[in-house]
Amino acid sequence: MAFCIGSLVGIFAAWKRGSAFDSMVSPGFMALQAIPPVVIGMLILFVFGISLKWFPTSYGMPEGAILNWTSWETYSGILYHAVLPLFCATVAQIGGFLINMRNNMINLLSEDYITMAKGKGLSENRVVLNYAARNALLPTVTALSMALGMAMGGQLVVEMIFQYPGLGTAMLNAVTAATTRYFKACSS
């Protein structure tokens, strides 16, 4: 989600370079990215979970709920409990994708083939989306593949804040079990 939102906002910010939107969004998301995910998670938890009481503050589904995979209540309960952790993980990463896409787009908008496309009379929307954004997306996809590994490690922090059982927790449990078995084998 952070990749999609950041890329789309980055395309628009580069297209409207120097506008009020670009002047507010780009520095705003860069400042937000500088805040550690722990702090963002605590703020989100405090505001939306504790103060406003819009969302639950812990666990992956309603307390006492029985798993019934054919029931809509099971899926809606899981999604409802996942909103805050997902929001935290998304907000913490949007800035990097936004700035990456914006900078790639600004570099490409000054290329000769973009000038040629504008000279042929193509609409500005088509030039930006079909010519510039398509080529600017390639380095951003590379950044996405590198961010996936970091997201797994960062997800553990988010899951601990929201007490949400997810892949980060499963990864921690697996590493802990493997380490314990290794040290038991070494000590005997």
N, C-alpha and C. Protein backbone atom coordinates (compact mmCIF):
# COMPACT_ATOMS: atom_id res chain seq x y z
N MET A 1 0.81 -1.19 0.00
CA MET A 1 0.00 0.00 0.00
C MET A 1 0.86 1.26 0.00
N ALA A 2 1.93 1.23 0.76
CA ALA A 2 2.82 2.40 0.80
C ALA A 2 3.44 2.65 -0.57
N PHE A 3 3.79 1.57 -1.28
CA PHE A 3 4.35 1.71 -2.62
C PHE A 3 3.35 2.35 -3.56
N CYS A 4 2.12 1.88 -3.56
CA CYS A 4 1.09 2.41 -4.47
C CYS A 4 0.77 3.87 -4.15
N ILE A 5 0.54 4.17 -2.88
CA ILE A 5 0.19 5.54 -2.49
C ILE A 5 1.37 6.48 -2.74
N GLY A 6 2.55 6.07 -2.31
CA GLY A 6 3.73 6.92 -2.49
C GLY A 6 4.05 7.18 -3.94
N SER A 7 3.91 6.15 -4.79
CA SER A 7 4.19 6.32 -6.22
C SER A 7 3.19 7.25 -6.87
N LEU A 8 1.91 7.07 -6.57
CA LEU A 8 0.88 7.93 -7.17
C LEU A 8 1.03 9.39 -6.72
N VAL A 9 1.27 9.59 -5.44
CA VAL A 9 1.44 10.96 -4.94
C VAL A 9 2.74 11.56 -5.49
N GLY A 10 3.78 10.73 -5.64
CA GLY A 10 5.04 11.21 -6.22
C GLY A 10 4.89 11.62 -7.68
N ILE A 11 4.09 10.86 -8.44
CA ILE A 11 3.81 11.23 -9.84
C ILE A 11 3.12 12.58 -9.89
N PHE A 12 2.10 12.74 -9.07
CA PHE A 12 1.35 13.99 -9.06
C PHE A 12 2.21 15.15 -8.57
N ALA A 13 3.05 14.92 -7.56
CA ALA A 13 3.92 15.99 -7.05
C ALA A 13 4.93 16.44 -8.11
N ALA A 14 5.46 15.49 -8.87
CA ALA A 14 6.41 15.85 -9.93
C ALA A 14 5.70 16.57 -11.08
N TRP A 15 4.50 16.12 -11.37
CA TRP A 15 3.72 16.74 -12.45
C TRP A 15 3.40 18.19 -12.10
N LYS A 16 3.07 18.44 -10.85
CA LYS A 16 2.73 19.79 -10.38
C LYS A 16 3.91 20.37 -9.59
N ARG A 17 5.10 20.18 -10.10
CA ARG A 17 6.32 20.60 -9.41
C ARG A 17 6.28 22.09 -9.11
N GLY A 18 6.61 22.44 -7.85
CA GLY A 18 6.63 23.83 -7.44
C GLY A 18 5.27 24.35 -6.96
N SER A 19 4.22 23.55 -7.10
CA SER A 19 2.89 23.99 -6.66
C SER A 19 2.80 23.90 -5.14
N ALA A 20 1.68 24.38 -4.61
CA ALA A 20 1.46 24.32 -3.16
C ALA A 20 1.37 22.86 -2.71
N PHE A 21 0.76 21.99 -3.54
CA PHE A 21 0.67 20.58 -3.21
C PHE A 21 2.05 19.97 -3.04
N ASP A 22 2.93 20.22 -4.01
CA ASP A 22 4.29 19.68 -3.96
C ASP A 22 5.07 20.26 -2.78
N SER A 23 4.88 21.53 -2.52
CA SER A 23 5.61 22.19 -1.43
C SER A 23 5.18 21.71 -0.05
N MET A 24 3.94 21.19 0.06
CA MET A 24 3.46 20.71 1.35
C MET A 24 3.69 19.21 1.51
N VAL A 25 3.37 18.44 0.48
CA VAL A 25 3.37 16.98 0.59
C VAL A 25 4.78 16.40 0.66
N SER A 26 5.66 16.82 -0.21
CA SER A 26 7.00 16.24 -0.24
C SER A 26 7.77 16.43 1.06
N PRO A 27 7.89 17.66 1.57
CA PRO A 27 8.59 17.81 2.86
C PRO A 27 7.82 17.17 4.02
N GLY A 28 6.49 17.21 3.94
CA GLY A 28 5.68 16.62 5.01
C GLY A 28 5.92 15.13 5.15
N PHE A 29 5.91 14.40 4.03
CA PHE A 29 6.14 12.97 4.10
C PHE A 29 7.59 12.63 4.41
N MET A 30 8.53 13.49 4.00
CA MET A 30 9.93 13.26 4.37
C MET A 30 10.11 13.43 5.88
N ALA A 31 9.47 14.42 6.46
CA ALA A 31 9.54 14.61 7.91
C ALA A 31 8.88 13.42 8.62
N LEU A 32 7.77 12.94 8.07
CA LEU A 32 7.08 11.80 8.67
C LEU A 32 7.93 10.54 8.59
N GLN A 33 8.69 10.39 7.51
CA GLN A 33 9.55 9.22 7.37
C GLN A 33 10.71 9.25 8.35
N ALA A 34 11.09 10.43 8.79
CA ALA A 34 12.20 10.55 9.74
C ALA A 34 11.80 10.11 11.15
N ILE A 35 10.50 10.05 11.40
CA ILE A 35 10.01 9.61 12.72
C ILE A 35 10.06 8.09 12.76
N PRO A 36 10.63 7.51 13.80
CA PRO A 36 10.70 6.05 13.88
C PRO A 36 9.31 5.41 13.92
N PRO A 37 9.16 4.22 13.31
CA PRO A 37 7.85 3.55 13.32
C PRO A 37 7.30 3.29 14.72
N VAL A 38 8.18 3.18 15.71
CA VAL A 38 7.73 2.98 17.08
C VAL A 38 6.93 4.19 17.56
N VAL A 39 7.43 5.36 17.27
CA VAL A 39 6.76 6.59 17.69
C VAL A 39 5.45 6.77 16.93
N ILE A 40 5.49 6.51 15.62
CA ILE A 40 4.27 6.61 14.82
C ILE A 40 3.22 5.63 15.35
N GLY A 41 3.64 4.41 15.63
CA GLY A 41 2.72 3.40 16.15
C GLY A 41 2.12 3.81 17.48
N MET A 42 2.94 4.34 18.37
CA MET A 42 2.43 4.77 19.67
C MET A 42 1.44 5.93 19.53
N LEU A 43 1.74 6.87 18.64
CA LEU A 43 0.82 7.99 18.41
C LEU A 43 -0.51 7.51 17.83
N ILE A 44 -0.44 6.64 16.83
CA ILE A 44 -1.66 6.10 16.22
C ILE A 44 -2.46 5.32 17.25
N LEU A 45 -1.79 4.51 18.03
CA LEU A 45 -2.47 3.72 19.07
C LEU A 45 -3.15 4.64 20.09
N PHE A 46 -2.44 5.68 20.50
CA PHE A 46 -3.00 6.58 21.50
C PHE A 46 -4.20 7.36 20.95
N VAL A 47 -4.05 7.90 19.74
CA VAL A 47 -5.12 8.75 19.19
C VAL A 47 -6.34 7.92 18.80
N PHE A 48 -6.14 6.92 17.93
CA PHE A 48 -7.29 6.20 17.36
C PHE A 48 -7.78 5.04 18.22
N GLY A 49 -6.90 4.49 19.06
CA GLY A 49 -7.30 3.36 19.88
C GLY A 49 -7.72 3.72 21.28
N ILE A 50 -6.95 4.60 21.92
CA ILE A 50 -7.21 4.91 23.33
C ILE A 50 -8.08 6.16 23.48
N SER A 51 -7.70 7.26 22.82
CA SER A 51 -8.46 8.51 22.98
C SER A 51 -9.82 8.45 22.28
N LEU A 52 -9.82 8.18 20.98
CA LEU A 52 -11.07 8.18 20.23
C LEU A 52 -11.85 6.86 20.33
N LYS A 53 -11.15 5.79 20.68
CA LYS A 53 -11.75 4.45 20.81
C LYS A 53 -12.46 4.00 19.54
N TRP A 54 -11.86 4.35 18.38
CA TRP A 54 -12.43 3.94 17.10
C TRP A 54 -12.04 2.50 16.76
N PHE A 55 -10.85 2.09 17.17
CA PHE A 55 -10.33 0.78 16.80
C PHE A 55 -9.81 0.06 18.05
N PRO A 56 -9.75 -1.27 17.99
CA PRO A 56 -9.20 -2.03 19.12
C PRO A 56 -7.71 -1.80 19.24
N THR A 57 -7.21 -1.94 20.45
CA THR A 57 -5.80 -1.64 20.70
C THR A 57 -4.91 -2.88 20.70
N SER A 58 -5.49 -4.07 20.63
CA SER A 58 -4.64 -5.26 20.65
C SER A 58 -5.35 -6.46 20.03
N TYR A 59 -4.55 -7.48 19.78
CA TYR A 59 -4.98 -8.79 19.28
C TYR A 59 -5.45 -8.74 17.82
N GLY A 60 -5.55 -9.93 17.25
CA GLY A 60 -5.85 -10.05 15.82
C GLY A 60 -7.32 -10.24 15.50
N MET A 61 -8.13 -10.50 16.50
CA MET A 61 -9.57 -10.62 16.28
C MET A 61 -10.30 -10.38 17.60
N PRO A 62 -11.63 -10.23 17.55
CA PRO A 62 -12.36 -9.94 18.78
C PRO A 62 -12.14 -11.01 19.85
N GLU A 63 -12.09 -10.56 21.08
CA GLU A 63 -11.85 -11.48 22.19
C GLU A 63 -13.01 -12.48 22.31
N GLY A 64 -12.68 -13.74 22.42
CA GLY A 64 -13.69 -14.79 22.55
C GLY A 64 -14.33 -15.21 21.25
N ALA A 65 -13.87 -14.66 20.13
CA ALA A 65 -14.46 -15.01 18.83
C ALA A 65 -14.04 -16.42 18.43
N ILE A 66 -14.94 -17.12 17.77
CA ILE A 66 -14.67 -18.47 17.29
C ILE A 66 -14.37 -18.38 15.80
N LEU A 67 -13.26 -18.99 15.40
CA LEU A 67 -12.89 -18.95 13.98
C LEU A 67 -13.85 -19.78 13.15
N ASN A 68 -14.53 -19.13 12.25
CA ASN A 68 -15.41 -19.79 11.30
C ASN A 68 -15.10 -19.18 9.94
N TRP A 69 -14.27 -19.86 9.14
CA TRP A 69 -13.76 -19.30 7.90
C TRP A 69 -14.82 -19.13 6.83
N THR A 70 -16.03 -19.60 7.07
CA THR A 70 -17.12 -19.38 6.11
C THR A 70 -18.00 -18.21 6.53
N SER A 71 -17.67 -17.56 7.62
CA SER A 71 -18.48 -16.47 8.16
C SER A 71 -17.85 -15.12 7.86
N TRP A 72 -18.66 -14.17 7.47
CA TRP A 72 -18.18 -12.81 7.20
C TRP A 72 -17.72 -12.14 8.49
N GLU A 73 -18.29 -12.49 9.64
CA GLU A 73 -17.91 -11.89 10.91
C GLU A 73 -16.44 -12.17 11.24
N THR A 74 -15.97 -13.37 10.88
CA THR A 74 -14.56 -13.70 11.13
C THR A 74 -13.65 -12.76 10.34
N TYR A 75 -13.94 -12.61 9.04
CA TYR A 75 -13.10 -11.76 8.19
C TYR A 75 -13.21 -10.29 8.59
N SER A 76 -14.41 -9.83 8.89
CA SER A 76 -14.56 -8.42 9.27
C SER A 76 -13.87 -8.13 10.61
N GLY A 77 -13.92 -9.09 11.55
CA GLY A 77 -13.22 -8.91 12.82
C GLY A 77 -11.71 -8.84 12.65
N ILE A 78 -11.18 -9.71 11.78
CA ILE A 78 -9.74 -9.70 11.51
C ILE A 78 -9.33 -8.40 10.82
N LEU A 79 -10.10 -7.96 9.83
CA LEU A 79 -9.79 -6.70 9.13
C LEU A 79 -9.89 -5.50 10.07
N TYR A 80 -10.90 -5.49 10.93
CA TYR A 80 -11.09 -4.39 11.87
C TYR A 80 -9.91 -4.28 12.82
N HIS A 81 -9.38 -5.41 13.26
CA HIS A 81 -8.23 -5.41 14.16
C HIS A 81 -6.92 -5.09 13.43
N ALA A 82 -6.91 -5.25 12.11
CA ALA A 82 -5.68 -5.01 11.33
C ALA A 82 -5.55 -3.57 10.86
N VAL A 83 -6.57 -2.75 11.03
CA VAL A 83 -6.54 -1.39 10.49
C VAL A 83 -5.39 -0.57 11.06
N LEU A 84 -5.25 -0.51 12.36
CA LEU A 84 -4.20 0.33 12.96
C LEU A 84 -2.79 -0.16 12.64
N PRO A 85 -2.48 -1.47 12.77
CA PRO A 85 -1.14 -1.91 12.38
C PRO A 85 -0.83 -1.66 10.90
N LEU A 86 -1.81 -1.88 10.04
CA LEU A 86 -1.62 -1.65 8.60
C LEU A 86 -1.42 -0.17 8.32
N PHE A 87 -2.19 0.67 8.97
CA PHE A 87 -2.05 2.12 8.80
C PHE A 87 -0.67 2.59 9.25
N CYS A 88 -0.21 2.07 10.36
CA CYS A 88 1.11 2.45 10.89
C CYS A 88 2.23 2.03 9.94
N ALA A 89 2.16 0.77 9.47
CA ALA A 89 3.20 0.28 8.57
C ALA A 89 3.20 1.03 7.25
N THR A 90 2.03 1.44 6.79
CA THR A 90 1.92 2.16 5.52
C THR A 90 2.45 3.58 5.66
N VAL A 91 2.00 4.29 6.67
CA VAL A 91 2.40 5.69 6.86
C VAL A 91 3.91 5.82 7.05
N ALA A 92 4.51 4.85 7.71
CA ALA A 92 5.95 4.92 7.99
C ALA A 92 6.80 4.78 6.73
N GLN A 93 6.24 4.24 5.64
CA GLN A 93 7.04 3.99 4.44
C GLN A 93 6.65 4.81 3.22
N ILE A 94 5.58 5.56 3.27
CA ILE A 94 5.12 6.30 2.09
C ILE A 94 6.17 7.31 1.62
N GLY A 95 6.82 8.01 2.54
CA GLY A 95 7.74 9.08 2.18
C GLY A 95 8.86 8.65 1.26
N GLY A 96 9.45 7.49 1.51
CA GLY A 96 10.56 7.03 0.67
C GLY A 96 10.12 6.77 -0.76
N PHE A 97 8.98 6.11 -0.93
CA PHE A 97 8.48 5.84 -2.28
C PHE A 97 8.05 7.12 -2.98
N LEU A 98 7.47 8.06 -2.23
CA LEU A 98 7.04 9.33 -2.81
C LEU A 98 8.24 10.10 -3.35
N ILE A 99 9.26 10.27 -2.55
CA ILE A 99 10.42 11.05 -2.97
C ILE A 99 11.16 10.36 -4.11
N ASN A 100 11.29 9.03 -4.03
CA ASN A 100 11.94 8.28 -5.10
C ASN A 100 11.21 8.48 -6.42
N MET A 101 9.90 8.33 -6.42
CA MET A 101 9.13 8.49 -7.65
C MET A 101 9.14 9.93 -8.13
N ARG A 102 9.04 10.87 -7.23
CA ARG A 102 9.05 12.29 -7.61
C ARG A 102 10.37 12.65 -8.29
N ASN A 103 11.48 12.24 -7.70
CA ASN A 103 12.78 12.56 -8.28
C ASN A 103 12.98 11.87 -9.63
N ASN A 104 12.55 10.62 -9.75
CA ASN A 104 12.65 9.93 -11.04
C ASN A 104 11.82 10.63 -12.10
N MET A 105 10.62 11.06 -11.73
CA MET A 105 9.74 11.74 -12.68
C MET A 105 10.32 13.08 -13.10
N ILE A 106 10.86 13.84 -12.16
CA ILE A 106 11.43 15.14 -12.51
C ILE A 106 12.59 14.97 -13.48
N ASN A 107 13.43 13.95 -13.26
CA ASN A 107 14.53 13.70 -14.20
C ASN A 107 14.02 13.32 -15.58
N LEU A 108 12.98 12.51 -15.63
CA LEU A 108 12.47 12.04 -16.93
C LEU A 108 11.67 13.11 -17.66
N LEU A 109 11.03 14.02 -16.95
CA LEU A 109 10.22 15.04 -17.62
C LEU A 109 11.06 16.01 -18.43
N SER A 110 12.37 16.03 -18.22
CA SER A 110 13.23 16.91 -19.01
C SER A 110 13.93 16.16 -20.15
N GLU A 111 13.60 14.89 -20.35
CA GLU A 111 14.23 14.10 -21.42
C GLU A 111 13.68 14.51 -22.79
N ASP A 112 14.45 14.19 -23.83
CA ASP A 112 14.08 14.57 -25.19
C ASP A 112 12.81 13.87 -25.67
N TYR A 113 12.62 12.61 -25.31
CA TYR A 113 11.45 11.90 -25.81
C TYR A 113 10.16 12.45 -25.19
N ILE A 114 10.25 13.05 -24.00
CA ILE A 114 9.08 13.69 -23.40
C ILE A 114 8.78 14.98 -24.16
N THR A 115 9.81 15.74 -24.49
CA THR A 115 9.64 16.96 -25.28
C THR A 115 9.05 16.62 -26.64
N MET A 116 9.51 15.51 -27.22
CA MET A 116 8.99 15.07 -28.53
C MET A 116 7.51 14.68 -28.41
N ALA A 117 7.15 13.99 -27.36
CA ALA A 117 5.75 13.59 -27.17
C ALA A 117 4.86 14.82 -27.01
N LYS A 118 5.35 15.82 -26.27
CA LYS A 118 4.57 17.05 -26.13
C LYS A 118 4.48 17.77 -27.47
N GLY A 119 5.57 17.74 -28.24
CA GLY A 119 5.59 18.38 -29.55
C GLY A 119 4.65 17.72 -30.54
N LYS A 120 4.41 16.43 -30.38
CA LYS A 120 3.49 15.71 -31.27
C LYS A 120 2.04 16.06 -30.97
N GLY A 121 1.82 16.79 -29.87
CA GLY A 121 0.47 17.21 -29.54
C GLY A 121 -0.27 16.25 -28.62
N LEU A 122 0.44 15.32 -28.00
CA LEU A 122 -0.22 14.40 -27.06
C LEU A 122 -0.67 15.17 -25.82
N SER A 123 -1.73 14.70 -25.21
CA SER A 123 -2.24 15.37 -24.01
C SER A 123 -1.22 15.24 -22.88
N GLU A 124 -1.28 16.20 -21.98
CA GLU A 124 -0.33 16.19 -20.86
C GLU A 124 -0.52 14.96 -19.99
N ASN A 125 -1.77 14.54 -19.80
CA ASN A 125 -2.03 13.33 -19.02
C ASN A 125 -1.36 12.12 -19.65
N ARG A 126 -1.46 11.98 -20.94
CA ARG A 126 -0.87 10.83 -21.63
C ARG A 126 0.65 10.87 -21.56
N VAL A 127 1.22 12.04 -21.72
CA VAL A 127 2.67 12.17 -21.66
C VAL A 127 3.18 11.79 -20.26
N VAL A 128 2.51 12.32 -19.24
CA VAL A 128 2.96 12.06 -17.87
C VAL A 128 2.77 10.60 -17.49
N LEU A 129 1.59 10.05 -17.78
CA LEU A 129 1.30 8.69 -17.33
C LEU A 129 1.91 7.62 -18.23
N ASN A 130 1.79 7.75 -19.53
CA ASN A 130 2.25 6.69 -20.43
C ASN A 130 3.74 6.74 -20.73
N TYR A 131 4.32 7.93 -20.74
CA TYR A 131 5.73 8.03 -21.09
C TYR A 131 6.62 8.17 -19.85
N ALA A 132 6.36 9.19 -19.04
CA ALA A 132 7.25 9.47 -17.92
C ALA A 132 7.04 8.50 -16.75
N ALA A 133 5.80 8.32 -16.31
CA ALA A 133 5.55 7.49 -15.13
C ALA A 133 5.95 6.05 -15.36
N ARG A 134 5.72 5.54 -16.54
CA ARG A 134 6.07 4.14 -16.83
C ARG A 134 7.58 3.92 -16.69
N ASN A 135 8.37 4.85 -17.19
CA ASN A 135 9.83 4.69 -17.09
C ASN A 135 10.35 5.05 -15.70
N ALA A 136 9.69 5.97 -15.02
CA ALA A 136 10.13 6.33 -13.67
C ALA A 136 9.80 5.24 -12.66
N LEU A 137 8.87 4.37 -13.02
CA LEU A 137 8.46 3.31 -12.10
C LEU A 137 9.52 2.22 -11.94
N LEU A 138 10.38 2.04 -12.94
CA LEU A 138 11.38 0.96 -12.88
C LEU A 138 12.32 1.06 -11.68
N PRO A 139 12.96 2.20 -11.42
CA PRO A 139 13.81 2.27 -10.22
C PRO A 139 13.01 2.18 -8.92
N THR A 140 11.76 2.62 -8.96
CA THR A 140 10.92 2.55 -7.77
C THR A 140 10.56 1.11 -7.43
N VAL A 141 10.36 0.28 -8.45
CA VAL A 141 10.10 -1.14 -8.22
C VAL A 141 11.33 -1.81 -7.61
N THR A 142 12.51 -1.40 -8.04
CA THR A 142 13.73 -1.91 -7.43
C THR A 142 13.80 -1.53 -5.95
N ALA A 143 13.43 -0.30 -5.65
CA ALA A 143 13.40 0.14 -4.25
C ALA A 143 12.37 -0.65 -3.45
N LEU A 144 11.25 -1.01 -4.10
CA LEU A 144 10.23 -1.82 -3.43
C LEU A 144 10.78 -3.18 -3.05
N SER A 145 11.52 -3.81 -3.95
CA SER A 145 12.07 -5.13 -3.64
C SER A 145 13.06 -5.08 -2.48
N MET A 146 13.82 -4.00 -2.38
CA MET A 146 14.74 -3.85 -1.26
C MET A 146 13.99 -3.52 0.03
N ALA A 147 12.87 -2.81 -0.08
CA ALA A 147 12.11 -2.43 1.10
C ALA A 147 11.33 -3.59 1.69
N LEU A 148 11.07 -4.63 0.91
CA LEU A 148 10.30 -5.76 1.42
C LEU A 148 11.02 -6.46 2.58
N GLY A 149 12.32 -6.63 2.45
CA GLY A 149 13.09 -7.23 3.54
C GLY A 149 13.09 -6.37 4.79
N MET A 150 13.22 -5.07 4.60
CA MET A 150 13.21 -4.17 5.75
C MET A 150 11.82 -4.10 6.36
N ALA A 151 10.79 -4.28 5.55
CA ALA A 151 9.42 -4.23 6.06
C ALA A 151 9.16 -5.39 7.02
N MET A 152 9.74 -6.55 6.73
CA MET A 152 9.55 -7.70 7.62
C MET A 152 10.15 -7.41 9.00
N GLY A 153 11.33 -6.83 9.03
CA GLY A 153 11.95 -6.49 10.31
C GLY A 153 11.20 -5.38 11.03
N GLY A 154 10.77 -4.38 10.30
CA GLY A 154 10.01 -3.29 10.90
C GLY A 154 8.63 -3.70 11.33
N GLN A 155 8.08 -4.71 10.66
CA GLN A 155 6.74 -5.18 10.99
C GLN A 155 6.70 -5.77 12.39
N LEU A 156 7.80 -6.35 12.82
CA LEU A 156 7.86 -6.93 14.17
C LEU A 156 7.61 -5.86 15.23
N VAL A 157 8.17 -4.68 15.03
CA VAL A 157 7.98 -3.58 15.98
C VAL A 157 6.51 -3.16 16.00
N VAL A 158 5.91 -3.02 14.83
CA VAL A 158 4.50 -2.64 14.74
C VAL A 158 3.62 -3.69 15.41
N GLU A 159 3.92 -4.96 15.17
CA GLU A 159 3.13 -6.03 15.77
C GLU A 159 3.26 -6.06 17.29
N MET A 160 4.43 -5.73 17.80
CA MET A 160 4.61 -5.70 19.25
C MET A 160 3.84 -4.53 19.87
N ILE A 161 3.82 -3.39 19.21
CA ILE A 161 3.09 -2.24 19.73
C ILE A 161 1.59 -2.55 19.81
N PHE A 162 1.05 -3.14 18.73
CA PHE A 162 -0.39 -3.40 18.66
C PHE A 162 -0.76 -4.80 19.15
N GLN A 163 0.21 -5.57 19.65
CA GLN A 163 -0.01 -6.95 20.10
C GLN A 163 -0.76 -7.74 19.03
N TYR A 164 -0.32 -7.58 17.79
CA TYR A 164 -0.99 -8.20 16.65
C TYR A 164 -0.19 -9.42 16.20
N PRO A 165 -0.80 -10.59 16.14
CA PRO A 165 -0.05 -11.78 15.71
C PRO A 165 0.09 -11.81 14.18
N GLY A 166 1.30 -11.58 13.71
CA GLY A 166 1.52 -11.54 12.27
C GLY A 166 2.80 -12.24 11.87
N LEU A 167 3.29 -11.93 10.67
CA LEU A 167 4.50 -12.58 10.15
C LEU A 167 5.74 -12.21 10.95
N GLY A 168 5.82 -10.98 11.42
CA GLY A 168 6.98 -10.58 12.22
C GLY A 168 7.08 -11.38 13.51
N THR A 169 5.94 -11.60 14.16
CA THR A 169 5.92 -12.40 15.38
C THR A 169 6.25 -13.85 15.09
N ALA A 170 5.71 -14.37 13.99
CA ALA A 170 6.03 -15.75 13.60
C ALA A 170 7.52 -15.91 13.31
N MET A 171 8.11 -14.90 12.65
CA MET A 171 9.54 -14.94 12.36
C MET A 171 10.36 -14.91 13.65
N LEU A 172 9.98 -14.06 14.61
CA LEU A 172 10.67 -13.99 15.89
C LEU A 172 10.58 -15.32 16.63
N ASN A 173 9.39 -15.92 16.65
CA ASN A 173 9.22 -17.21 17.33
C ASN A 173 10.06 -18.30 16.68
N ALA A 174 10.15 -18.29 15.35
CA ALA A 174 10.95 -19.30 14.65
C ALA A 174 12.44 -19.13 14.95
N VAL A 175 12.92 -17.91 14.95
CA VAL A 175 14.33 -17.66 15.25
C VAL A 175 14.64 -18.03 16.70
N THR A 176 13.73 -17.69 17.61
CA THR A 176 13.93 -18.03 19.02
C THR A 176 13.97 -19.54 19.22
N ALA A 177 13.06 -20.27 18.57
CA ALA A 177 13.04 -21.73 18.71
C ALA A 177 14.31 -22.36 18.12
N ALA A 178 14.74 -21.88 16.97
CA ALA A 178 15.94 -22.42 16.34
C ALA A 178 17.17 -22.13 17.19
N THR A 179 17.25 -20.93 17.74
CA THR A 179 18.39 -20.57 18.58
C THR A 179 18.41 -21.42 19.85
N THR A 180 17.25 -21.62 20.45
CA THR A 180 17.17 -22.43 21.67
C THR A 180 17.61 -23.86 21.39
N ARG A 181 17.13 -24.44 20.27
CA ARG A 181 17.55 -25.80 19.91
C ARG A 181 19.05 -25.88 19.66
N TYR A 182 19.60 -24.87 19.02
CA TYR A 182 21.03 -24.85 18.72
C TYR A 182 21.85 -24.83 19.99
N PHE A 183 21.47 -23.95 20.94
CA PHE A 183 22.24 -23.87 22.19
C PHE A 183 22.07 -25.10 23.05
N LYS A 184 20.91 -25.73 23.00
CA LYS A 184 20.73 -26.99 23.75
C LYS A 184 21.60 -28.09 23.15
N ALA A 185 21.70 -28.13 21.82
CA ALA A 185 22.53 -29.14 21.15
C ALA A 185 24.01 -28.88 21.44
N CYS A 186 24.41 -27.61 21.50
CA CYS A 186 25.81 -27.30 21.79
C CYS A 186 26.20 -27.58 23.23
N SER A 187 25.25 -27.41 24.14
CA SER A 187 25.58 -27.60 25.55
C SER A 187 25.60 -29.09 25.95
N SER A 188 24.98 -29.94 25.16
CA SER A 188 24.98 -31.36 25.56
C SER A 188 26.10 -32.15 24.94
